[in-house]
Protein backbone atom coordinates (compact mmCIF):
# COMPACT_ATOMS: atom_id res chain seq x y z
CA MET A 1 -64.41 68.95 -28.27
CA TYR A 2 -64.17 72.14 -30.38
CA PHE A 3 -67.75 71.68 -31.62
CA PHE A 4 -69.05 71.81 -28.06
CA LEU A 5 -66.59 74.60 -27.16
CA SER A 6 -68.14 76.67 -29.95
CA HIS A 7 -71.59 76.21 -28.31
CA LEU A 8 -70.16 77.09 -24.86
CA ALA A 9 -68.69 80.27 -26.44
CA ILE A 10 -72.10 81.24 -27.89
CA VAL A 11 -73.74 80.68 -24.48
CA ASP A 12 -71.09 82.80 -22.74
CA MET A 13 -71.53 85.64 -25.22
CA SER A 14 -75.30 85.43 -24.85
CA TYR A 15 -75.01 85.47 -21.09
CA ALA A 16 -72.97 88.68 -21.19
CA SER A 17 -75.20 90.30 -23.85
CA ASN A 18 -78.31 89.62 -21.77
CA ASN A 19 -77.15 91.13 -18.46
CA VAL A 20 -74.10 93.34 -18.86
CA PRO A 21 -75.36 96.19 -21.10
CA LYS A 22 -78.27 97.10 -18.78
CA MET A 23 -76.07 96.55 -15.72
CA LEU A 24 -73.45 98.99 -17.05
CA ALA A 25 -76.15 101.52 -18.00
CA ASN A 26 -77.46 101.33 -14.42
CA LEU A 27 -73.97 101.89 -13.00
CA VAL A 28 -73.44 105.13 -14.95
CA SER A 29 -77.01 106.47 -14.78
CA LYS A 30 -79.03 107.85 -11.90
CA LYS A 31 -82.19 106.50 -13.45
CA ARG A 32 -81.91 102.78 -12.77
CA THR A 33 -85.21 101.51 -14.09
CA ILE A 34 -86.41 98.61 -16.23
CA SER A 35 -89.91 97.92 -17.49
CA PHE A 36 -91.78 94.72 -16.70
CA ILE A 37 -91.48 92.91 -20.03
CA PRO A 38 -87.71 93.46 -20.52
CA CYS A 39 -87.19 92.40 -16.89
CA ILE A 40 -89.10 89.14 -17.43
CA MET A 41 -87.34 88.50 -20.71
CA GLN A 42 -84.01 89.07 -18.97
CA THR A 43 -84.98 86.49 -16.32
CA PHE A 44 -86.12 84.00 -18.97
CA LEU A 45 -82.88 84.28 -21.07
CA TYR A 46 -80.71 84.24 -17.95
CA LEU A 47 -82.28 80.91 -16.86
CA ALA A 48 -82.19 79.46 -20.39
CA PHE A 49 -78.48 80.19 -20.90
CA ALA A 50 -77.62 78.95 -17.40
CA HIS A 51 -79.40 75.65 -18.12
CA ILE A 52 -77.66 75.33 -21.52
CA GLU A 53 -74.24 75.83 -19.96
CA CYS A 54 -74.93 73.07 -17.41
CA LEU A 55 -75.92 70.57 -20.10
CA ILE A 56 -73.11 71.52 -22.50
CA LEU A 57 -70.57 70.97 -19.72
CA VAL A 58 -72.03 67.53 -19.07
CA VAL A 59 -71.92 66.67 -22.77
CA MET A 60 -68.28 67.85 -22.87
CA SER A 61 -67.37 65.58 -19.98
CA TYR A 62 -68.94 62.65 -21.85
CA ASP A 63 -66.96 63.63 -24.94
CA ARG A 64 -63.71 63.55 -22.89
CA PHE A 65 -64.74 60.22 -21.37
CA VAL A 66 -65.16 58.67 -24.77
CA ALA A 67 -61.93 60.26 -26.11
CA ILE A 68 -59.78 58.94 -23.24
CA CYS A 69 -61.49 55.65 -22.31
CA HIS A 70 -62.51 54.53 -25.83
CA PRO A 71 -60.05 56.34 -28.14
CA LEU A 72 -60.30 53.80 -30.98
CA HIS A 73 -64.09 54.08 -31.08
CA TYR A 74 -64.24 57.87 -30.60
CA THR A 75 -65.03 58.79 -34.19
CA VAL A 76 -67.75 56.18 -34.32
CA ILE A 77 -69.40 57.01 -30.99
CA MET A 78 -69.06 60.78 -31.20
CA ASN A 79 -69.94 61.20 -34.87
CA TRP A 80 -71.41 64.42 -36.23
CA ARG A 81 -75.02 63.17 -35.91
CA VAL A 82 -74.60 62.32 -32.24
CA CYS A 83 -72.86 65.61 -31.51
CA THR A 84 -75.60 67.58 -33.27
CA ILE A 85 -78.36 65.69 -31.40
CA LEU A 86 -76.69 66.30 -28.04
CA ALA A 87 -76.15 69.97 -28.72
CA ALA A 88 -79.71 70.49 -30.07
CA ALA A 89 -81.23 68.57 -27.13
CA SER A 90 -79.33 70.79 -24.66
CA TRP A 91 -80.66 73.98 -26.25
CA ILE A 92 -84.29 72.78 -26.64
CA LEU A 93 -84.55 71.27 -23.16
CA SER A 94 -82.99 74.39 -21.54
CA PHE A 95 -85.39 76.81 -23.21
CA LEU A 96 -88.39 74.58 -22.34
CA LEU A 97 -87.36 74.45 -18.69
CA ALA A 98 -86.88 78.20 -18.63
CA LEU A 99 -90.31 78.57 -20.20
CA VAL A 100 -91.84 76.70 -17.28
CA HIS A 101 -90.28 79.21 -14.86
CA LEU A 102 -91.55 82.08 -17.04
CA VAL A 103 -95.13 80.82 -17.00
CA LEU A 104 -95.07 80.40 -13.27
CA ILE A 105 -93.72 83.94 -12.82
CA LEU A 106 -96.36 85.48 -15.14
CA ARG A 107 -99.21 83.95 -13.11
CA LEU A 108 -98.16 86.01 -10.04
CA PRO A 109 -99.41 89.51 -9.20
CA PHE A 110 -96.78 92.17 -8.58
CA CYS A 111 -98.16 94.97 -6.45
CA GLY A 112 -95.04 96.55 -5.01
CA PRO A 113 -92.58 97.59 -3.88
CA HIS A 114 -91.20 97.52 -7.39
CA GLU A 115 -87.53 97.64 -6.49
CA ILE A 116 -85.29 94.67 -7.32
CA ASN A 117 -82.42 94.30 -4.83
CA HIS A 118 -80.01 92.96 -7.45
CA PHE A 119 -77.77 93.94 -10.36
CA PHE A 120 -80.27 92.49 -12.86
CA CYS A 121 -83.60 90.59 -12.96
CA GLU A 122 -82.54 87.44 -11.26
CA ILE A 123 -85.40 84.99 -10.57
CA LEU A 124 -85.15 84.90 -6.79
CA SER A 125 -85.03 88.65 -6.51
CA VAL A 126 -88.03 89.01 -8.92
CA LEU A 127 -90.09 86.52 -6.86
CA LYS A 128 -89.59 88.64 -3.75
CA LEU A 129 -91.66 91.40 -5.42
CA ALA A 130 -94.75 89.18 -5.84
CA CYS A 131 -97.63 89.79 -3.47
CA ALA A 132 -98.83 86.14 -3.59
CA ASP A 133 -97.67 82.77 -2.43
CA THR A 134 -94.52 81.73 -4.33
CA THR A 135 -94.21 78.22 -2.83
CA LEU A 136 -94.90 76.53 -6.16
CA ASN A 137 -92.19 78.67 -7.82
CA GLN A 138 -89.72 77.79 -5.09
CA ILE A 139 -90.49 74.07 -5.39
CA VAL A 140 -90.02 74.15 -9.18
CA ILE A 141 -86.75 76.07 -8.79
CA PHE A 142 -85.45 73.47 -6.31
CA ALA A 143 -86.57 70.56 -8.52
CA ALA A 144 -84.94 72.19 -11.57
CA CYS A 145 -81.72 72.60 -9.56
CA VAL A 146 -81.75 68.91 -8.73
CA PHE A 147 -82.36 68.06 -12.39
CA ILE A 148 -80.05 70.65 -14.00
CA LEU A 149 -77.27 70.97 -11.39
CA VAL A 150 -77.03 67.97 -9.02
CA GLY A 151 -77.83 65.35 -11.68
CA PRO A 152 -75.42 66.71 -14.27
CA LEU A 153 -72.71 67.25 -11.66
CA CYS A 154 -73.03 63.57 -10.64
CA LEU A 155 -72.69 62.50 -14.26
CA VAL A 156 -69.55 64.72 -14.64
CA LEU A 157 -68.03 63.17 -11.53
CA VAL A 158 -68.79 59.66 -12.76
CA SER A 159 -67.19 60.49 -16.11
CA TYR A 160 -64.07 61.89 -14.53
CA THR A 161 -63.74 58.99 -12.11
CA ARG A 162 -63.68 56.63 -15.10
CA ILE A 163 -61.26 58.99 -16.88
CA LEU A 164 -58.91 59.09 -13.84
CA MET A 165 -58.86 55.28 -13.67
CA ALA A 166 -58.07 55.12 -17.40
CA ILE A 167 -55.33 57.76 -17.08
CA LEU A 168 -53.63 55.90 -14.20
CA ARG A 169 -53.45 52.83 -16.35
CA ILE A 170 -51.47 54.67 -19.08
CA GLN A 171 -47.86 53.53 -18.93
CA SER A 172 -46.31 56.58 -20.61
CA GLY A 173 -45.65 59.63 -18.50
CA GLU A 174 -46.13 61.87 -21.52
CA GLY A 175 -49.48 60.18 -22.28
CA ARG A 176 -50.69 60.76 -18.72
CA ARG A 177 -49.59 64.44 -18.90
CA LYS A 178 -51.53 64.96 -22.16
CA ALA A 179 -54.62 63.29 -20.79
CA PHE A 180 -54.58 65.40 -17.60
CA SER A 181 -53.99 68.53 -19.73
CA THR A 182 -57.07 67.70 -21.85
CA CYS A 183 -59.34 67.40 -18.80
CA SER A 184 -57.90 70.05 -16.41
CA SER A 185 -59.42 73.08 -18.17
CA HIS A 186 -62.90 71.49 -18.29
CA LEU A 187 -62.69 70.53 -14.61
CA CYS A 188 -61.83 74.10 -13.70
CA VAL A 189 -64.85 75.46 -15.53
CA VAL A 190 -67.13 72.79 -14.04
CA GLY A 191 -65.95 73.53 -10.56
CA LEU A 192 -66.41 77.30 -10.86
CA PHE A 193 -69.86 77.13 -12.54
CA PHE A 194 -71.53 74.32 -10.61
CA GLY A 195 -70.00 75.28 -7.26
CA SER A 196 -71.29 78.90 -7.30
CA ALA A 197 -74.67 77.94 -8.76
CA ILE A 198 -75.35 75.17 -6.15
CA ILE A 199 -74.39 77.47 -3.30
CA MET A 200 -76.66 80.15 -4.77
CA TYR A 201 -79.80 78.08 -5.30
CA MET A 202 -79.57 75.09 -3.00
CA ALA A 203 -77.87 76.36 0.18
CA PRO A 204 -80.17 77.26 3.14
CA LYS A 205 -81.39 80.84 2.96
CA SER A 206 -79.89 81.64 6.40
CA GLN A 207 -76.46 80.90 5.04
CA ASN A 208 -76.99 83.06 1.95
CA PRO A 209 -77.56 86.74 2.75
CA GLU A 210 -78.72 88.95 -0.13
CA THR A 211 -75.30 90.54 -0.64
CA GLN A 212 -73.64 87.14 -0.93
CA GLN A 213 -76.34 86.03 -3.36
CA LYS A 214 -75.71 89.07 -5.57
CA ILE A 215 -71.98 88.44 -5.60
CA LEU A 216 -72.43 84.72 -6.42
CA SER A 217 -74.88 85.36 -9.23
CA LEU A 218 -72.60 88.03 -10.62
CA PHE A 219 -69.69 85.58 -10.47
CA TYR A 220 -71.23 82.78 -12.50
CA SER A 221 -73.18 85.04 -14.94
CA LEU A 222 -70.34 87.53 -15.65
CA PHE A 223 -66.93 86.33 -14.46
CA ASN A 224 -67.33 82.70 -15.58
CA PRO A 225 -68.07 83.66 -19.20
CA MET A 226 -64.97 85.90 -19.07
CA LEU A 227 -62.79 83.16 -17.58
CA ASN A 228 -63.93 80.32 -19.82
CA PRO A 229 -62.14 81.56 -23.00
CA LEU A 230 -58.95 82.18 -20.98
CA ILE A 231 -59.04 78.76 -19.33
CA TYR A 232 -59.57 76.84 -22.57
CA SER A 233 -57.34 78.96 -24.85
CA LEU A 234 -54.30 78.63 -22.54
CA ARG A 235 -54.39 74.87 -23.19
CA ASN A 236 -53.51 75.60 -26.83
CA ALA A 237 -49.75 75.65 -27.47
CA GLU A 238 -50.03 78.35 -30.17
CA VAL A 239 -52.04 80.64 -27.87
CA LYS A 240 -49.54 80.14 -25.07
CA GLY A 241 -46.67 80.85 -27.43
CA ALA A 242 -48.37 84.06 -28.69
CA LEU A 243 -48.99 85.15 -25.09
CA ARG A 244 -45.31 84.60 -24.17
CA ARG A 245 -44.17 86.61 -27.22
CA ALA A 246 -46.59 89.49 -26.34
CA LEU A 247 -45.37 89.59 -22.74
CA TRP A 248 -41.76 89.44 -23.84
CA LYS A 249 -42.24 92.41 -26.18
CA GLU A 250 -43.80 94.48 -23.43
CA ARG A 251 -40.80 94.03 -21.15
CA PRO A 252 -38.47 97.02 -21.05
CA ALA A 253 -35.12 96.51 -22.84
């Protein structure tokens, strides 16, 4: 679990490093410009890290499924070789899929207006600047959403259905509590990330005005990476104890 959590932490830091510095610079500066190549690179990395997070969350749900449903075989099934292959496959597949989007964007002519109605170079906002037919891009985006969002979410739900059935068979109340505690943080992260991303990219356009799209993309590209460490770290007894001691010290005598 901690091996995959380290990959999730790297993805979250990369997410923030890709979007936030330029976003903050735009907020404090009157000159809110970005050249074409940095904008396209921002779009590419934004897509790649979003895809990686989807796949890593699926792999983590499989890891929890094996740990709870097959605890005696856990070290055999989830050995270091399997974990490394799953993590590497997530990174490689995500960058390849993002590269497909990049190639399809670069084939388009951009003849103005050159103003992105967004906080950063998000793919849907960039496509609106193209002065050519973007139907192929839209089809590929939808197909990628089915592959990278709906498919993984179904796998997560199947894993947690099996996990729930296994937890309900546990006789000990303490055992059930520990099993629920192990899975609750991951379910929170999955719900926040997949929910906002599916609404953003798969809901009908009429139900998604531009302002709502900007808020949703800001939520899962900025707030999710900030919330993930908090959600996961508060499961740790030592972290919770340190937080209680810190809050206790700040109280007035």
